[in-house]
C-alpha atoms as a PDB file:
ATOM      1  CA  MET A   1     122.318  87.500  67.586  1.00  0.00           C
ATOM      2  CA  LYS A   2     122.632  84.502  65.642  1.00  0.00           C
ATOM      3  CA  LYS A   3     124.798  84.783  62.438  1.00  0.00           C
ATOM      4  CA  ASN A   4     123.242  82.193  60.092  1.00  0.00           C
ATOM      5  CA  TYR A   5     126.245  79.522  59.796  1.00  0.00           C
ATOM      6  CA  PRO A   6     126.872  77.202  56.980  1.00  0.00           C
ATOM      7  CA  ARG A   7     126.014  73.376  58.915  1.00  0.00           C
ATOM      8  CA  PHE A   8     128.858  70.617  58.712  1.00  0.00           C
ATOM      9  CA  THR A   9     128.253  67.748  60.447  1.00  0.00           C
ATOM     10  CA  LEU A  10     131.546  66.320  61.759  1.00  0.00           C
ATOM     11  CA  ARG A  11     131.776  62.209  62.445  1.00  0.00           C
ATOM     12  CA  ILE A  12     134.191  61.977  65.477  1.00  0.00           C
ATOM     13  CA  PRO A  13     135.429  58.733  68.153  1.00  0.00           C
ATOM     14  CA  ASP A  14     133.031  59.130  70.900  1.00  0.00           C
ATOM     15  CA  GLU A  15     136.246  59.518  73.442  1.00  0.00           C
ATOM     16  CA  MET A  16     137.279  62.174  71.538  1.00  0.00           C
ATOM     17  CA  LEU A  17     133.909  63.909  71.686  1.00  0.00           C
ATOM     18  CA  GLN A  18     134.295  63.935  75.414  1.00  0.00           C
ATOM     19  CA  LYS A  19     137.509  64.387  75.929  1.00  0.00           C
ATOM     20  CA  ILE A  20     135.932  67.861  73.400  1.00  0.00           C
ATOM     21  CA  GLY A  21     133.809  67.827  75.752  1.00  0.00           C
ATOM     22  CA  ARG A  22     135.260  68.566  78.442  1.00  0.00           C
ATOM     23  CA  ILE A  23     137.786  71.223  77.667  1.00  0.00           C
ATOM     24  CA  ALA A  24     135.036  72.795  76.803  1.00  0.00           C
ATOM     25  CA  GLU A  25     133.315  72.810  79.563  1.00  0.00           C
ATOM     26  CA  ASN A  26     137.081  73.944  81.258  1.00  0.00           C
ATOM     27  CA  ASN A  27     136.843  76.746  79.192  1.00  0.00           C
ATOM     28  CA  SER A  28     132.929  77.945  79.756  1.00  0.00           C
ATOM     29  CA  ARG A  29     132.691  76.724  75.994  1.00  0.00           C
ATOM     30  CA  THR A  30     130.135  74.773  74.116  1.00  0.00           C
ATOM     31  CA  LYS A  31     131.804  72.087  72.306  1.00  0.00           C
ATOM     32  CA  ASN A  32     130.831  73.597  68.985  1.00  0.00           C
ATOM     33  CA  LYS A  33     132.419  77.119  70.142  1.00  0.00           C
ATOM     34  CA  GLU A  34     135.452  74.460  71.426  1.00  0.00           C
ATOM     35  CA  ILE A  35     135.954  73.293  67.836  1.00  0.00           C
ATOM     36  CA  GLU A  36     135.797  75.918  66.381  1.00  0.00           C
ATOM     37  CA  PHE A  37     137.980  77.705  68.570  1.00  0.00           C
ATOM     38  CA  LEU A  38     140.110  75.372  67.553  1.00  0.00           C
ATOM     39  CA  LEU A  39     139.977  75.099  64.238  1.00  0.00           C
ATOM     40  CA  LYS A  40     141.074  78.933  64.211  1.00  0.00           C
ATOM     41  CA  ARG A  41     143.795  78.208  66.008  1.00  0.00           C
ATOM     42  CA  HIS A  42     145.349  75.578  63.396  1.00  0.00           C
ATOM     43  CA  ILE A  43     144.349  77.629  60.804  1.00  0.00           C
ATOM     44  CA  ALA A  44     145.908  80.477  62.225  1.00  0.00           C
ATOM     45  CA  GLU A  45     149.103  78.438  63.090  1.00  0.00           C
ATOM     46  CA  TYR A  46     148.959  77.003  59.452  1.00  0.00           C
ATOM     47  CA  GLU A  47     149.134  80.548  58.016  1.00  0.00           C
ATOM     48  CA  ARG A  48     152.045  81.605  60.251  1.00  0.00           C
ATOM     49  CA  LEU A  49     154.104  78.467  58.164  1.00  0.00           C
ATOM     50  CA  TYR A  50     152.762  78.561  54.772  1.00  0.00           C
ATOM     51  CA  GLY A  51     150.542  81.967  54.104  1.00  0.00           C
ATOM     52  CA  PRO A  52     148.078  83.320  54.425  1.00  0.00           C
ATOM     53  CA  ILE A  53     145.118  81.273  52.800  1.00  0.00           C
ATOM     54  CA  LYS A  54     143.415  82.954  49.989  1.00  0.00           C
ATOM     55  CA  LYS A  55     140.244  84.064  49.896  1.00  0.00           C
ATOM     56  CA  ASP A  56     138.900  82.433  47.057  1.00  0.00           C
ATOM     57  CA  TYR A  57     139.653  79.079  47.885  1.00  0.00           C
ATOM     58  CA  GLN A  58     136.661  77.205  45.186  1.00  0.00           C
ATOM     59  CA  ASP A  59     139.146  74.742  43.422  1.00  0.00           C
ATOM     60  CA  LEU A  60     139.566  73.153  46.701  1.00  0.00           C
ATOM     61  CA  GLN A  61     135.679  71.996  46.353  1.00  0.00           C
ATOM     62  CA  LYS A  62     136.506  69.768  43.628  1.00  0.00           C
END
């Protein structure tokens, strides 16, 4: 079942997008899912180093 996630436009150099595409293909993922995987991994590492990010992050959007 598809989830209704918010959309976010990401602008990255074409060469980087092609490399992500190759990595995604090797991991049997779409480029979108590969980017999501990388972001989740980065967030987990950040939280490991600095502690959990509070779910009330509205102040960061100002």
